[in-house]
Amino acid sequence: DNDQVRLTHVVIRLYGCLIFGQGMLVWFARWIVDSAVRRGIVLSYFVVFTMTELVLVASWLTDSHWHAINVLNMILFGGLAGFYGWFAFVQPPAVFDSLDTAMD
């Protein structure tokens, strides 16, 4: 159905705008020296990409119109969730605190 394809493209573009806007927030927040704020940004990205991964996996398991190429999206967002999860939960807080000296 052509209308469904158009709607899908709009949703994908809107999600891209959201990710771009989040990137701008992080770009402008790069000079923040408070480690709690930086940790909050990383944790927020972990939540966003984990939820995206869960939606993609649920769609993959339940949607009859799922294309095999979309497995790359699952790999990408799963990787991003893992990356941000590592720095949100596994790395010691010193990773965030040491950025203060690197910015000087």
C-alpha atoms as a PDB file:
ATOM      1  CA  ASP A   1       0.000   0.000   0.000  1.00  0.00           C
ATOM      2  CA  ASN A   2       1.519   3.297  -1.138  1.00  0.00           C
ATOM      3  CA  ASP A   3       0.024   5.322   1.744  1.00  0.00           C
ATOM      4  CA  GLN A   4       1.612   2.977   4.257  1.00  0.00           C
ATOM      5  CA  VAL A   5       5.016   3.406   2.611  1.00  0.00           C
ATOM      6  CA  ARG A   6       4.688   7.199   2.780  1.00  0.00           C
ATOM      7  CA  LEU A   7       3.685   7.047   6.431  1.00  0.00           C
ATOM      8  CA  THR A   8       6.648   4.812   7.186  1.00  0.00           C
ATOM      9  CA  HIS A   9       9.026   7.247   5.495  1.00  0.00           C
ATOM     10  CA  VAL A  10       7.590  10.153   7.486  1.00  0.00           C
ATOM     11  CA  VAL A  11       8.048   8.278  10.762  1.00  0.00           C
ATOM     12  CA  ILE A  12      11.628   7.369   9.843  1.00  0.00           C
ATOM     13  CA  ARG A  13      12.402  10.996   8.952  1.00  0.00           C
ATOM     14  CA  LEU A  14      10.852  12.234  12.203  1.00  0.00           C
ATOM     15  CA  TYR A  15      12.948   9.757  14.185  1.00  0.00           C
ATOM     16  CA  GLY A  16      16.030  10.953  12.312  1.00  0.00           C
ATOM     17  CA  CYS A  17      15.176  14.536  13.271  1.00  0.00           C
ATOM     18  CA  LEU A  18      14.887  13.466  16.897  1.00  0.00           C
ATOM     19  CA  ILE A  19      18.282  11.747  16.851  1.00  0.00           C
ATOM     20  CA  PHE A  20      19.836  14.788  15.125  1.00  0.00           C
ATOM     21  CA  GLY A  21      18.334  17.088  17.773  1.00  0.00           C
ATOM     22  CA  GLN A  22      19.669  14.892  20.558  1.00  0.00           C
ATOM     23  CA  GLY A  23      23.086  15.045  18.947  1.00  0.00           C
ATOM     24  CA  MET A  24      22.892  18.842  18.945  1.00  0.00           C
ATOM     25  CA  LEU A  25      21.996  18.830  22.648  1.00  0.00           C
ATOM     26  CA  VAL A  26      25.027  16.699  23.406  1.00  0.00           C
ATOM     27  CA  TRP A  27      27.222  18.880  21.177  1.00  0.00           C
ATOM     28  CA  PHE A  28      26.210  22.038  23.024  1.00  0.00           C
ATOM     29  CA  ALA A  29      26.481  20.292  26.402  1.00  0.00           C
ATOM     30  CA  ARG A  30      30.042  19.127  25.752  1.00  0.00           C
ATOM     31  CA  TRP A  31      31.517  21.863  27.956  1.00  0.00           C
ATOM     32  CA  ILE A  32      29.503  20.847  31.014  1.00  0.00           C
ATOM     33  CA  VAL A  33      31.937  19.778  33.711  1.00  0.00           C
ATOM     34  CA  ASP A  34      29.365  18.168  35.999  1.00  0.00           C
ATOM     35  CA  SER A  35      29.919  14.413  35.790  1.00  0.00           C
ATOM     36  CA  ALA A  36      26.343  13.691  36.896  1.00  0.00           C
ATOM     37  CA  VAL A  37      24.974  15.568  33.880  1.00  0.00           C
ATOM     38  CA  ARG A  38      27.311  13.725  31.514  1.00  0.00           C
ATOM     39  CA  ARG A  39      26.341  10.404  33.067  1.00  0.00           C
ATOM     40  CA  GLY A  40      22.674  11.391  32.673  1.00  0.00           C
ATOM     41  CA  ILE A  41      23.179  12.088  28.968  1.00  0.00           C
ATOM     42  CA  VAL A  42      24.848   8.704  28.456  1.00  0.00           C
ATOM     43  CA  LEU A  43      22.119   6.943  30.442  1.00  0.00           C
ATOM     44  CA  SER A  44      19.450   8.721  28.391  1.00  0.00           C
ATOM     45  CA  TYR A  45      21.036   7.545  25.147  1.00  0.00           C
ATOM     46  CA  PHE A  46      21.168   4.020  26.568  1.00  0.00           C
ATOM     47  CA  VAL A  47      17.428   4.146  27.288  1.00  0.00           C
ATOM     48  CA  VAL A  48      16.573   5.619  23.852  1.00  0.00           C
ATOM     49  CA  PHE A  49      18.592   3.065  21.909  1.00  0.00           C
ATOM     50  CA  THR A  50      17.489   0.133  24.090  1.00  0.00           C
ATOM     51  CA  MET A  51      13.830   1.051  23.589  1.00  0.00           C
ATOM     52  CA  THR A  52      14.449   1.432  19.852  1.00  0.00           C
ATOM     53  CA  GLU A  53      16.065  -2.005  19.772  1.00  0.00           C
ATOM     54  CA  LEU A  54      13.136  -3.550  21.632  1.00  0.00           C
ATOM     55  CA  VAL A  55      10.644  -2.004  19.205  1.00  0.00           C
ATOM     56  CA  LEU A  56      12.663  -3.248  16.223  1.00  0.00           C
ATOM     57  CA  VAL A  57      12.895  -6.779  17.623  1.00  0.00           C
ATOM     58  CA  ALA A  58       9.176  -6.835  18.441  1.00  0.00           C
ATOM     59  CA  SER A  59       8.391  -5.648  14.923  1.00  0.00           C
ATOM     60  CA  TRP A  60      10.726  -8.258  13.448  1.00  0.00           C
ATOM     61  CA  LEU A  61       8.976 -11.017  15.380  1.00  0.00           C
ATOM     62  CA  THR A  62       5.398  -9.909  14.667  1.00  0.00           C
ATOM     63  CA  ASP A  63       5.293  -8.003  11.349  1.00  0.00           C
ATOM     64  CA  SER A  64       4.749  -9.940   8.132  1.00  0.00           C
ATOM     65  CA  HIS A  65       6.196  -7.078   6.038  1.00  0.00           C
ATOM     66  CA  TRP A  66       9.588  -7.103   7.695  1.00  0.00           C
ATOM     67  CA  HIS A  67      12.572  -7.018   5.312  1.00  0.00           C
ATOM     68  CA  ALA A  68      15.789  -8.895   5.975  1.00  0.00           C
ATOM     69  CA  ILE A  69      17.870  -5.755   5.410  1.00  0.00           C
ATOM     70  CA  ASN A  70      16.318  -4.297   8.560  1.00  0.00           C
ATOM     71  CA  VAL A  71      18.413  -6.730  10.576  1.00  0.00           C
ATOM     72  CA  LEU A  72      21.183  -4.165  10.051  1.00  0.00           C
ATOM     73  CA  ASN A  73      19.049  -1.659  11.971  1.00  0.00           C
ATOM     74  CA  MET A  74      18.717  -4.118  14.820  1.00  0.00           C
ATOM     75  CA  ILE A  75      22.476  -4.657  14.846  1.00  0.00           C
ATOM     76  CA  LEU A  76      23.124  -0.901  14.751  1.00  0.00           C
ATOM     77  CA  PHE A  77      20.734   0.029  17.549  1.00  0.00           C
ATOM     78  CA  GLY A  78      21.687  -3.015  19.606  1.00  0.00           C
ATOM     79  CA  GLY A  79      25.315  -1.960  19.272  1.00  0.00           C
ATOM     80  CA  LEU A  80      24.518   1.620  20.261  1.00  0.00           C
ATOM     81  CA  ALA A  81      22.516   0.414  23.264  1.00  0.00           C
ATOM     82  CA  GLY A  82      25.392  -1.847  24.290  1.00  0.00           C
ATOM     83  CA  PHE A  83      27.933   0.939  23.810  1.00  0.00           C
ATOM     84  CA  TYR A  84      26.027   3.448  25.925  1.00  0.00           C
ATOM     85  CA  GLY A  85      25.064   0.769  28.457  1.00  0.00           C
ATOM     86  CA  TRP A  86      28.720  -0.071  28.930  1.00  0.00           C
ATOM     87  CA  PHE A  87      29.582   3.511  29.786  1.00  0.00           C
ATOM     88  CA  ALA A  88      26.428   4.033  31.866  1.00  0.00           C
ATOM     89  CA  PHE A  89      26.752   0.925  34.038  1.00  0.00           C
ATOM     90  CA  VAL A  90      30.137  -0.801  33.666  1.00  0.00           C
ATOM     91  CA  GLN A  91      32.758   1.935  33.455  1.00  0.00           C
ATOM     92  CA  PRO A  92      33.711   3.535  36.757  1.00  0.00           C
ATOM     93  CA  PRO A  93      32.685   7.134  37.414  1.00  0.00           C
ATOM     94  CA  ALA A  94      36.314   8.172  36.853  1.00  0.00           C
ATOM     95  CA  VAL A  95      35.637   7.926  33.099  1.00  0.00           C
ATOM     96  CA  PHE A  96      33.246  10.834  33.410  1.00  0.00           C
ATOM     97  CA  ASP A  97      35.320  12.797  35.912  1.00  0.00           C
ATOM     98  CA  SER A  98      38.513  12.538  33.863  1.00  0.00           C
ATOM     99  CA  LEU A  99      36.871  14.428  31.005  1.00  0.00           C
ATOM    100  CA  ASP A 100      37.094  17.623  33.101  1.00  0.00           C
ATOM    101  CA  THR A 101      40.869  17.669  32.836  1.00  0.00           C
ATOM    102  CA  ALA A 102      40.852  16.724  29.147  1.00  0.00           C
ATOM    103  CA  MET A 103      38.781  19.802  28.281  1.00  0.00           C
ATOM    104  CA  ASP A 104      41.323  22.224  29.782  1.00  0.00           C
END
